[in-house]
Every structure is written in C-alpha cells, then in structure tokens.
Amino acid sequence: MTTTQRKTIFGMCKSLGMSEDDRRALIFGLTGKESTKELTDSQTEAVIGELRKRCGSVPEPPEKRSPKAYKPAVAGMMTTEQQSLAWRYMYHLRELDEKPMLHEDGKPFTVGERMAGAIHKICGITAKSGEDIFRWVSFKDGEKLI
C-alpha cells in the first residue's frame, strides 16, 4: 500500500464520519485483515472502492466488484448493521482487555479469532476467522451475539 492510498482511505473514512472502530470493522469485513498495513494491493483497491461507493462516487458495476465488497442482504440472516455493531464491540473489548488470552506461542488472539469464539460460544456455530464469519448467523443469533 502506498502512502497516498493510506491517506485516501483515512481521508474518505473521515469524510464519511467513520470512527476508528468503524474503519477497522470495514477493513476486516472486506479483507479479513485487522490493519491497513497488512493489506495487499487488491485488498487496498477493494477498500478504496467500497469507500468511494459510500461517498457517492460512481460505483463499479456489480460484475467488477469483489465478492466480499458487495454482499446483498440475505433474508433472515444477520444484517450488515448488526455485523458492524458486533465488530465495533469486539474491537472495543480488545481495547478494554487488560490481560488478553494468548496462543501457545505467546501471541494474543486476533479480533477475528475472538469473534469466531464468541459466535461458537453464544450461537453454537463454528466459524473461522478470515472467512465470511457471519455466513451462518441468523438475525436472532445476531441479536444474542450483540
């Protein structure tokens, strides 16, 4: 990612009134990555494309969109608003966590791994971090999760 692309992402998020949590949730939802520093070139373009769409710029045709960037709502399943709120809470929990749980190698669990664990514990659904983590979470289960 170039400095210009990074500034573009942060500037567009600011113009949309997005908080840091909202920005991180958007990036994670689109790419499965927790930081702009981890993004590949194609992931960076996907994030910028989504932000342009939200800013009201000319949207890309659906056939050119990344499958993760354009997900139509599925009736009865967790809404994008619920997903955004769940991510926001998970990032906030990470900030409040004074003693995070660690893997055997000493590294802390990622926010995605923690979300997958919460989904499994609360909803009984096995999800993997980095994939479409809310794929099988219903609207009602989303309410429980939040």
N, C-alpha and C. Protein backbone atom coordinates (compact mmCIF):
# COMPACT_ATOMS: atom_id res chain seq x y z
N MET A 1 0.85 -1.17 0.00
CA MET A 1 0.00 0.00 0.00
C MET A 1 0.89 1.24 0.00
N THR A 2 0.55 2.16 -0.85
CA THR A 2 1.32 3.39 -0.91
C THR A 2 0.81 4.38 0.14
N THR A 3 1.63 5.38 0.41
CA THR A 3 1.25 6.41 1.37
C THR A 3 0.00 7.14 0.88
N THR A 4 -0.08 7.36 -0.41
CA THR A 4 -1.24 8.04 -0.99
C THR A 4 -2.51 7.23 -0.78
N GLN A 5 -2.43 5.91 -1.00
CA GLN A 5 -3.60 5.05 -0.79
C GLN A 5 -4.03 5.06 0.67
N ARG A 6 -3.05 5.02 1.57
CA ARG A 6 -3.35 5.04 3.01
C ARG A 6 -4.05 6.35 3.38
N LYS A 7 -3.52 7.47 2.87
CA LYS A 7 -4.13 8.77 3.14
C LYS A 7 -5.54 8.84 2.54
N THR A 8 -5.71 8.23 1.37
CA THR A 8 -7.03 8.20 0.73
C THR A 8 -8.03 7.48 1.61
N ILE A 9 -7.65 6.31 2.13
CA ILE A 9 -8.55 5.52 2.99
C ILE A 9 -8.92 6.33 4.23
N PHE A 10 -7.91 6.87 4.92
CA PHE A 10 -8.19 7.61 6.15
C PHE A 10 -9.01 8.87 5.87
N GLY A 11 -8.71 9.57 4.78
CA GLY A 11 -9.45 10.78 4.44
C GLY A 11 -10.90 10.49 4.10
N MET A 12 -11.13 9.43 3.33
CA MET A 12 -12.51 9.09 2.97
C MET A 12 -13.30 8.65 4.20
N CYS A 13 -12.66 7.90 5.09
CA CYS A 13 -13.33 7.48 6.32
C CYS A 13 -13.70 8.70 7.16
N LYS A 14 -12.79 9.66 7.22
CA LYS A 14 -13.05 10.88 7.99
C LYS A 14 -14.21 11.65 7.37
N SER A 15 -14.23 11.75 6.04
CA SER A 15 -15.31 12.49 5.38
C SER A 15 -16.66 11.81 5.55
N LEU A 16 -16.65 10.50 5.75
CA LEU A 16 -17.89 9.76 5.99
C LEU A 16 -18.29 9.79 7.47
N GLY A 17 -17.43 10.36 8.32
CA GLY A 17 -17.73 10.42 9.75
C GLY A 17 -17.52 9.09 10.46
N MET A 18 -16.68 8.24 9.89
CA MET A 18 -16.43 6.91 10.47
C MET A 18 -15.45 7.02 11.63
N SER A 19 -15.73 6.30 12.70
CA SER A 19 -14.79 6.23 13.82
C SER A 19 -13.68 5.24 13.47
N GLU A 20 -12.67 5.17 14.32
CA GLU A 20 -11.59 4.21 14.10
C GLU A 20 -12.14 2.78 14.11
N ASP A 21 -13.08 2.51 15.02
CA ASP A 21 -13.70 1.18 15.09
C ASP A 21 -14.45 0.85 13.81
N ASP A 22 -15.19 1.85 13.28
CA ASP A 22 -15.92 1.63 12.04
C ASP A 22 -14.96 1.33 10.89
N ARG A 23 -13.86 2.09 10.83
CA ARG A 23 -12.86 1.88 9.77
C ARG A 23 -12.26 0.48 9.87
N ARG A 24 -11.88 0.11 11.07
CA ARG A 24 -11.28 -1.22 11.27
C ARG A 24 -12.28 -2.34 10.94
N ALA A 25 -13.53 -2.14 11.33
CA ALA A 25 -14.56 -3.14 11.03
C ALA A 25 -14.79 -3.26 9.53
N LEU A 26 -14.79 -2.13 8.84
CA LEU A 26 -14.95 -2.16 7.38
C LEU A 26 -13.79 -2.92 6.74
N ILE A 27 -12.57 -2.60 7.12
CA ILE A 27 -11.39 -3.25 6.55
C ILE A 27 -11.42 -4.74 6.85
N PHE A 28 -11.75 -5.10 8.09
CA PHE A 28 -11.78 -6.53 8.44
C PHE A 28 -12.89 -7.25 7.71
N GLY A 29 -14.05 -6.60 7.60
CA GLY A 29 -15.18 -7.22 6.90
C GLY A 29 -14.90 -7.47 5.43
N LEU A 30 -14.13 -6.58 4.81
CA LEU A 30 -13.83 -6.73 3.38
C LEU A 30 -12.65 -7.66 3.12
N THR A 31 -11.66 -7.64 4.02
CA THR A 31 -10.40 -8.32 3.71
C THR A 31 -10.00 -9.41 4.69
N GLY A 32 -10.56 -9.38 5.89
CA GLY A 32 -10.13 -10.33 6.92
C GLY A 32 -8.84 -9.87 7.61
N LYS A 33 -8.37 -8.67 7.28
CA LYS A 33 -7.15 -8.13 7.89
C LYS A 33 -7.54 -7.08 8.92
N GLU A 34 -6.71 -6.94 9.96
CA GLU A 34 -7.04 -6.02 11.03
C GLU A 34 -6.41 -4.64 10.88
N SER A 35 -5.48 -4.48 9.96
CA SER A 35 -4.78 -3.22 9.82
C SER A 35 -4.56 -2.89 8.35
N THR A 36 -4.47 -1.60 8.04
CA THR A 36 -4.18 -1.20 6.67
C THR A 36 -2.77 -1.64 6.28
N LYS A 37 -1.89 -1.80 7.24
CA LYS A 37 -0.51 -2.22 6.97
C LYS A 37 -0.43 -3.63 6.40
N GLU A 38 -1.44 -4.46 6.68
CA GLU A 38 -1.45 -5.85 6.24
C GLU A 38 -2.08 -6.06 4.86
N LEU A 39 -2.67 -5.01 4.28
CA LEU A 39 -3.43 -5.15 3.04
C LEU A 39 -2.55 -5.37 1.82
N THR A 40 -3.00 -6.25 0.94
CA THR A 40 -2.35 -6.42 -0.35
C THR A 40 -2.87 -5.33 -1.28
N ASP A 41 -2.29 -5.22 -2.47
CA ASP A 41 -2.73 -4.20 -3.43
C ASP A 41 -4.20 -4.38 -3.80
N SER A 42 -4.62 -5.62 -4.06
CA SER A 42 -6.01 -5.85 -4.46
C SER A 42 -6.97 -5.57 -3.30
N GLN A 43 -6.56 -5.88 -2.07
CA GLN A 43 -7.39 -5.60 -0.91
C GLN A 43 -7.51 -4.09 -0.68
N THR A 44 -6.40 -3.38 -0.90
CA THR A 44 -6.42 -1.93 -0.77
C THR A 44 -7.41 -1.32 -1.75
N GLU A 45 -7.38 -1.80 -2.99
CA GLU A 45 -8.31 -1.30 -4.01
C GLU A 45 -9.75 -1.62 -3.64
N ALA A 46 -9.98 -2.80 -3.04
CA ALA A 46 -11.34 -3.17 -2.63
C ALA A 46 -11.86 -2.22 -1.55
N VAL A 47 -10.99 -1.89 -0.59
CA VAL A 47 -11.39 -0.96 0.49
C VAL A 47 -11.67 0.43 -0.09
N ILE A 48 -10.78 0.91 -0.95
CA ILE A 48 -10.98 2.24 -1.56
C ILE A 48 -12.26 2.24 -2.41
N GLY A 49 -12.50 1.16 -3.15
CA GLY A 49 -13.72 1.06 -3.96
C GLY A 49 -14.97 1.12 -3.12
N GLU A 50 -14.96 0.42 -1.99
CA GLU A 50 -16.12 0.43 -1.09
C GLU A 50 -16.33 1.83 -0.51
N LEU A 51 -15.24 2.48 -0.14
CA LEU A 51 -15.36 3.83 0.41
C LEU A 51 -15.87 4.82 -0.64
N ARG A 52 -15.41 4.66 -1.88
CA ARG A 52 -15.92 5.53 -2.97
C ARG A 52 -17.42 5.33 -3.15
N LYS A 53 -17.83 4.08 -3.08
CA LYS A 53 -19.26 3.77 -3.22
C LYS A 53 -20.05 4.45 -2.10
N ARG A 54 -19.52 4.40 -0.89
CA ARG A 54 -20.21 5.01 0.24
C ARG A 54 -20.19 6.53 0.18
N CYS A 55 -19.15 7.09 -0.45
CA CYS A 55 -19.06 8.55 -0.59
C CYS A 55 -19.99 9.07 -1.69
N GLY A 56 -20.54 8.17 -2.49
CA GLY A 56 -21.43 8.58 -3.56
C GLY A 56 -20.74 8.73 -4.89
N SER A 57 -19.50 8.26 -4.98
CA SER A 57 -18.81 8.28 -6.27
C SER A 57 -19.46 7.26 -7.18
N VAL A 58 -19.10 7.29 -8.43
CA VAL A 58 -19.66 6.36 -9.40
C VAL A 58 -19.29 4.94 -8.97
N PRO A 59 -20.28 4.10 -8.70
CA PRO A 59 -19.97 2.74 -8.27
C PRO A 59 -19.49 1.87 -9.42
N GLU A 60 -18.71 0.87 -9.06
CA GLU A 60 -18.27 -0.10 -10.05
C GLU A 60 -19.46 -0.99 -10.41
N PRO A 61 -19.52 -1.49 -11.65
CA PRO A 61 -20.59 -2.42 -11.97
C PRO A 61 -20.46 -3.68 -11.11
N PRO A 62 -21.59 -4.33 -10.77
CA PRO A 62 -21.55 -5.50 -9.89
C PRO A 62 -20.60 -6.59 -10.36
N GLU A 63 -20.46 -6.78 -11.66
CA GLU A 63 -19.58 -7.86 -12.13
C GLU A 63 -18.11 -7.57 -11.88
N LYS A 64 -17.74 -6.31 -11.61
CA LYS A 64 -16.35 -5.96 -11.34
C LYS A 64 -16.06 -5.86 -9.86
N ARG A 65 -17.07 -5.96 -9.03
CA ARG A 65 -16.88 -5.83 -7.59
C ARG A 65 -16.32 -7.11 -7.01
N SER A 66 -15.54 -6.92 -5.95
CA SER A 66 -15.03 -8.07 -5.20
C SER A 66 -16.23 -8.74 -4.53
N PRO A 67 -16.26 -10.07 -4.48
CA PRO A 67 -17.39 -10.74 -3.85
C PRO A 67 -17.61 -10.28 -2.40
N LYS A 68 -16.53 -9.96 -1.68
CA LYS A 68 -16.69 -9.52 -0.31
C LYS A 68 -17.14 -8.07 -0.22
N ALA A 69 -16.85 -7.27 -1.26
CA ALA A 69 -17.20 -5.86 -1.22
C ALA A 69 -18.70 -5.65 -1.45
N TYR A 70 -19.35 -6.57 -2.12
CA TYR A 70 -20.77 -6.41 -2.40
C TYR A 70 -21.48 -7.68 -1.99
N LYS A 71 -22.14 -7.59 -0.84
CA LYS A 71 -22.89 -8.74 -0.35
C LYS A 71 -24.33 -8.30 -0.14
N PRO A 72 -25.22 -8.73 -1.02
CA PRO A 72 -26.62 -8.36 -0.80
C PRO A 72 -27.14 -9.01 0.48
N ALA A 73 -28.08 -8.32 1.12
CA ALA A 73 -28.65 -8.84 2.35
C ALA A 73 -29.38 -10.15 2.08
N VAL A 74 -29.28 -11.07 3.02
CA VAL A 74 -29.96 -12.35 2.93
C VAL A 74 -31.06 -12.35 3.99
N ALA A 75 -32.28 -12.55 3.56
CA ALA A 75 -33.42 -12.52 4.47
C ALA A 75 -33.24 -13.52 5.60
N GLY A 76 -33.48 -13.07 6.83
CA GLY A 76 -33.41 -13.94 7.99
C GLY A 76 -32.02 -14.09 8.58
N MET A 77 -31.01 -13.54 7.90
CA MET A 77 -29.65 -13.66 8.40
C MET A 77 -29.21 -12.34 9.04
N MET A 78 -28.07 -12.36 9.69
CA MET A 78 -27.54 -11.20 10.39
C MET A 78 -27.36 -10.04 9.39
N THR A 79 -27.87 -8.87 9.75
CA THR A 79 -27.79 -7.71 8.86
C THR A 79 -26.40 -7.09 8.90
N THR A 80 -26.08 -6.26 7.91
CA THR A 80 -24.79 -5.58 7.90
C THR A 80 -24.67 -4.63 9.09
N GLU A 81 -25.77 -4.05 9.52
CA GLU A 81 -25.75 -3.17 10.68
C GLU A 81 -25.41 -3.96 11.94
N GLN A 82 -25.98 -5.15 12.08
CA GLN A 82 -25.66 -6.00 13.22
C GLN A 82 -24.19 -6.41 13.18
N GLN A 83 -23.71 -6.77 11.99
CA GLN A 83 -22.31 -7.18 11.86
C GLN A 83 -21.38 -6.04 12.24
N SER A 84 -21.68 -4.84 11.77
CA SER A 84 -20.86 -3.67 12.08
C SER A 84 -20.83 -3.41 13.58
N LEU A 85 -21.97 -3.52 14.22
CA LEU A 85 -22.04 -3.30 15.66
C LEU A 85 -21.27 -4.38 16.42
N ALA A 86 -21.39 -5.63 15.98
CA ALA A 86 -20.66 -6.72 16.62
C ALA A 86 -19.15 -6.49 16.53
N TRP A 87 -18.67 -6.07 15.33
CA TRP A 87 -17.23 -5.79 15.17
C TRP A 87 -16.81 -4.62 16.06
N ARG A 88 -17.63 -3.59 16.09
CA ARG A 88 -17.30 -2.42 16.91
C ARG A 88 -17.15 -2.83 18.36
N TYR A 89 -18.08 -3.64 18.86
CA TYR A 89 -17.99 -4.11 20.25
C TYR A 89 -16.75 -4.98 20.47
N MET A 90 -16.44 -5.83 19.52
CA MET A 90 -15.29 -6.73 19.67
C MET A 90 -13.99 -5.93 19.72
N TYR A 91 -13.87 -4.90 18.86
CA TYR A 91 -12.67 -4.06 18.91
C TYR A 91 -12.60 -3.29 20.22
N HIS A 92 -13.74 -2.83 20.70
CA HIS A 92 -13.77 -2.12 21.97
C HIS A 92 -13.37 -3.05 23.12
N LEU A 93 -13.85 -4.28 23.09
CA LEU A 93 -13.47 -5.26 24.11
C LEU A 93 -11.96 -5.49 24.11
N ARG A 94 -11.38 -5.55 22.92
CA ARG A 94 -9.93 -5.75 22.83
C ARG A 94 -9.20 -4.59 23.51
N GLU A 95 -9.68 -3.38 23.30
CA GLU A 95 -9.05 -2.22 23.92
C GLU A 95 -9.17 -2.26 25.44
N LEU A 96 -10.28 -2.77 25.95
CA LEU A 96 -10.51 -2.83 27.39
C LEU A 96 -9.82 -4.01 28.07
N ASP A 97 -9.41 -5.00 27.30
CA ASP A 97 -8.82 -6.22 27.83
C ASP A 97 -7.43 -5.95 28.40
N GLU A 98 -7.32 -6.02 29.73
CA GLU A 98 -6.04 -5.75 30.38
C GLU A 98 -5.07 -6.92 30.25
N LYS A 99 -5.60 -8.13 30.20
CA LYS A 99 -4.76 -9.32 30.11
C LYS A 99 -5.35 -10.23 29.03
N PRO A 100 -4.96 -10.00 27.75
CA PRO A 100 -5.56 -10.78 26.66
C PRO A 100 -5.15 -12.25 26.71
N MET A 101 -6.03 -13.11 26.20
CA MET A 101 -5.73 -14.53 26.10
C MET A 101 -4.68 -14.72 25.02
N LEU A 102 -3.76 -15.66 25.26
CA LEU A 102 -2.65 -15.86 24.34
C LEU A 102 -2.67 -17.26 23.74
N HIS A 103 -2.16 -17.36 22.51
CA HIS A 103 -1.93 -18.66 21.88
C HIS A 103 -0.77 -19.33 22.61
N GLU A 104 -0.53 -20.60 22.30
CA GLU A 104 0.58 -21.31 22.91
C GLU A 104 1.92 -20.66 22.61
N ASP A 105 2.03 -20.00 21.45
CA ASP A 105 3.29 -19.35 21.07
C ASP A 105 3.44 -17.96 21.70
N GLY A 106 2.47 -17.54 22.51
CA GLY A 106 2.57 -16.27 23.21
C GLY A 106 1.93 -15.09 22.51
N LYS A 107 1.43 -15.29 21.29
CA LYS A 107 0.78 -14.21 20.57
C LYS A 107 -0.68 -14.10 21.00
N PRO A 108 -1.20 -12.87 21.11
CA PRO A 108 -2.61 -12.72 21.51
C PRO A 108 -3.55 -13.15 20.37
N PHE A 109 -4.73 -13.58 20.75
CA PHE A 109 -5.75 -13.94 19.77
C PHE A 109 -6.14 -12.68 18.99
N THR A 110 -6.37 -12.82 17.69
CA THR A 110 -6.80 -11.68 16.88
C THR A 110 -8.27 -11.40 17.17
N VAL A 111 -8.72 -10.25 16.74
CA VAL A 111 -10.12 -9.88 16.92
C VAL A 111 -11.01 -10.86 16.17
N GLY A 112 -10.58 -11.29 14.98
CA GLY A 112 -11.35 -12.25 14.21
C GLY A 112 -11.48 -13.59 14.92
N GLU A 113 -10.40 -14.04 15.54
CA GLU A 113 -10.44 -15.30 16.29
C GLU A 113 -11.35 -15.16 17.50
N ARG A 114 -11.31 -14.01 18.13
CA ARG A 114 -12.19 -13.78 19.28
C ARG A 114 -13.65 -13.74 18.85
N MET A 115 -13.92 -13.13 17.68
CA MET A 115 -15.29 -13.09 17.17
C MET A 115 -15.77 -14.51 16.85
N ALA A 116 -14.91 -15.31 16.22
CA ALA A 116 -15.27 -16.69 15.91
C ALA A 116 -15.57 -17.46 17.19
N GLY A 117 -14.78 -17.23 18.23
CA GLY A 117 -15.02 -17.88 19.52
C GLY A 117 -16.34 -17.46 20.14
N ALA A 118 -16.65 -16.17 20.05
CA ALA A 118 -17.92 -15.68 20.59
C ALA A 118 -19.10 -16.27 19.84
N ILE A 119 -18.99 -16.34 18.52
CA ILE A 119 -20.07 -16.92 17.71
C ILE A 119 -20.28 -18.38 18.10
N HIS A 120 -19.17 -19.09 18.29
CA HIS A 120 -19.27 -20.50 18.66
C HIS A 120 -19.90 -20.66 20.04
N LYS A 121 -19.44 -19.86 20.99
CA LYS A 121 -19.94 -19.99 22.37
C LYS A 121 -21.40 -19.56 22.50
N ILE A 122 -21.76 -18.45 21.87
CA ILE A 122 -23.10 -17.89 22.05
C ILE A 122 -24.13 -18.55 21.13
N CYS A 123 -23.73 -18.81 19.88
CA CYS A 123 -24.68 -19.30 18.88
C CYS A 123 -24.51 -20.79 18.56
N GLY A 124 -23.38 -21.37 18.98
CA GLY A 124 -23.13 -22.78 18.67
C GLY A 124 -22.75 -23.01 17.21
N ILE A 125 -22.27 -21.97 16.55
CA ILE A 125 -21.90 -22.05 15.13
C ILE A 125 -20.39 -21.98 15.02
N THR A 126 -19.79 -22.91 14.31
CA THR A 126 -18.35 -22.90 14.12
C THR A 126 -18.00 -22.03 12.93
N ALA A 127 -17.26 -20.96 13.18
CA ALA A 127 -16.83 -20.03 12.14
C ALA A 127 -15.32 -19.90 12.20
N LYS A 128 -14.71 -19.58 11.06
CA LYS A 128 -13.27 -19.40 11.01
C LYS A 128 -12.96 -17.94 10.73
N SER A 129 -11.96 -17.43 11.43
CA SER A 129 -11.51 -16.06 11.21
C SER A 129 -10.97 -15.91 9.80
N GLY A 130 -11.28 -14.79 9.16
CA GLY A 130 -10.78 -14.53 7.81
C GLY A 130 -11.76 -14.91 6.72
N GLU A 131 -12.74 -15.71 7.03
CA GLU A 131 -13.76 -16.08 6.05
C GLU A 131 -14.98 -15.18 6.30
N ASP A 132 -16.07 -15.44 5.60
CA ASP A 132 -17.31 -14.72 5.86
C ASP A 132 -17.84 -15.25 7.19
N ILE A 133 -17.37 -14.65 8.26
CA ILE A 133 -17.56 -15.18 9.61
C ILE A 133 -19.03 -15.22 10.04
N PHE A 134 -19.85 -14.35 9.48
CA PHE A 134 -21.27 -14.30 9.86
C PHE A 134 -22.17 -15.06 8.88
N ARG A 135 -21.58 -15.85 8.02
CA ARG A 135 -22.32 -16.52 6.95
C ARG A 135 -23.53 -17.31 7.46
N TRP A 136 -23.39 -18.01 8.56
CA TRP A 136 -24.47 -18.88 9.05
C TRP A 136 -25.18 -18.31 10.27
N VAL A 137 -24.92 -17.04 10.61
CA VAL A 137 -25.52 -16.43 11.79
C VAL A 137 -26.84 -15.78 11.40
N SER A 138 -27.92 -16.26 12.03
CA SER A 138 -29.25 -15.72 11.73
C SER A 138 -29.43 -14.37 12.42
N PHE A 139 -30.51 -13.70 12.07
CA PHE A 139 -30.84 -12.41 12.66
C PHE A 139 -30.98 -12.56 14.18
N LYS A 140 -31.71 -13.59 14.61
CA LYS A 140 -31.93 -13.83 16.06
C LYS A 140 -30.61 -14.13 16.77
N ASP A 141 -29.76 -14.96 16.14
CA ASP A 141 -28.45 -15.25 16.74
C ASP A 141 -27.60 -13.98 16.79
N GLY A 142 -27.74 -13.12 15.78
CA GLY A 142 -27.03 -11.84 15.78
C GLY A 142 -27.44 -10.97 16.96
N GLU A 143 -28.73 -11.00 17.29
CA GLU A 143 -29.21 -10.26 18.46
C GLU A 143 -28.57 -10.79 19.73
N LYS A 144 -28.48 -12.12 19.85
CA LYS A 144 -27.84 -12.73 21.02
C LYS A 144 -26.37 -12.35 21.09
N LEU A 145 -25.70 -12.41 19.96
CA LEU A 145 -24.28 -12.11 19.89
C LEU A 145 -23.99 -10.68 20.34
N ILE A 146 -24.80 -9.76 19.88
CA ILE A 146 -24.61 -8.35 20.25
C ILE A 146 -24.95 -8.15 21.72
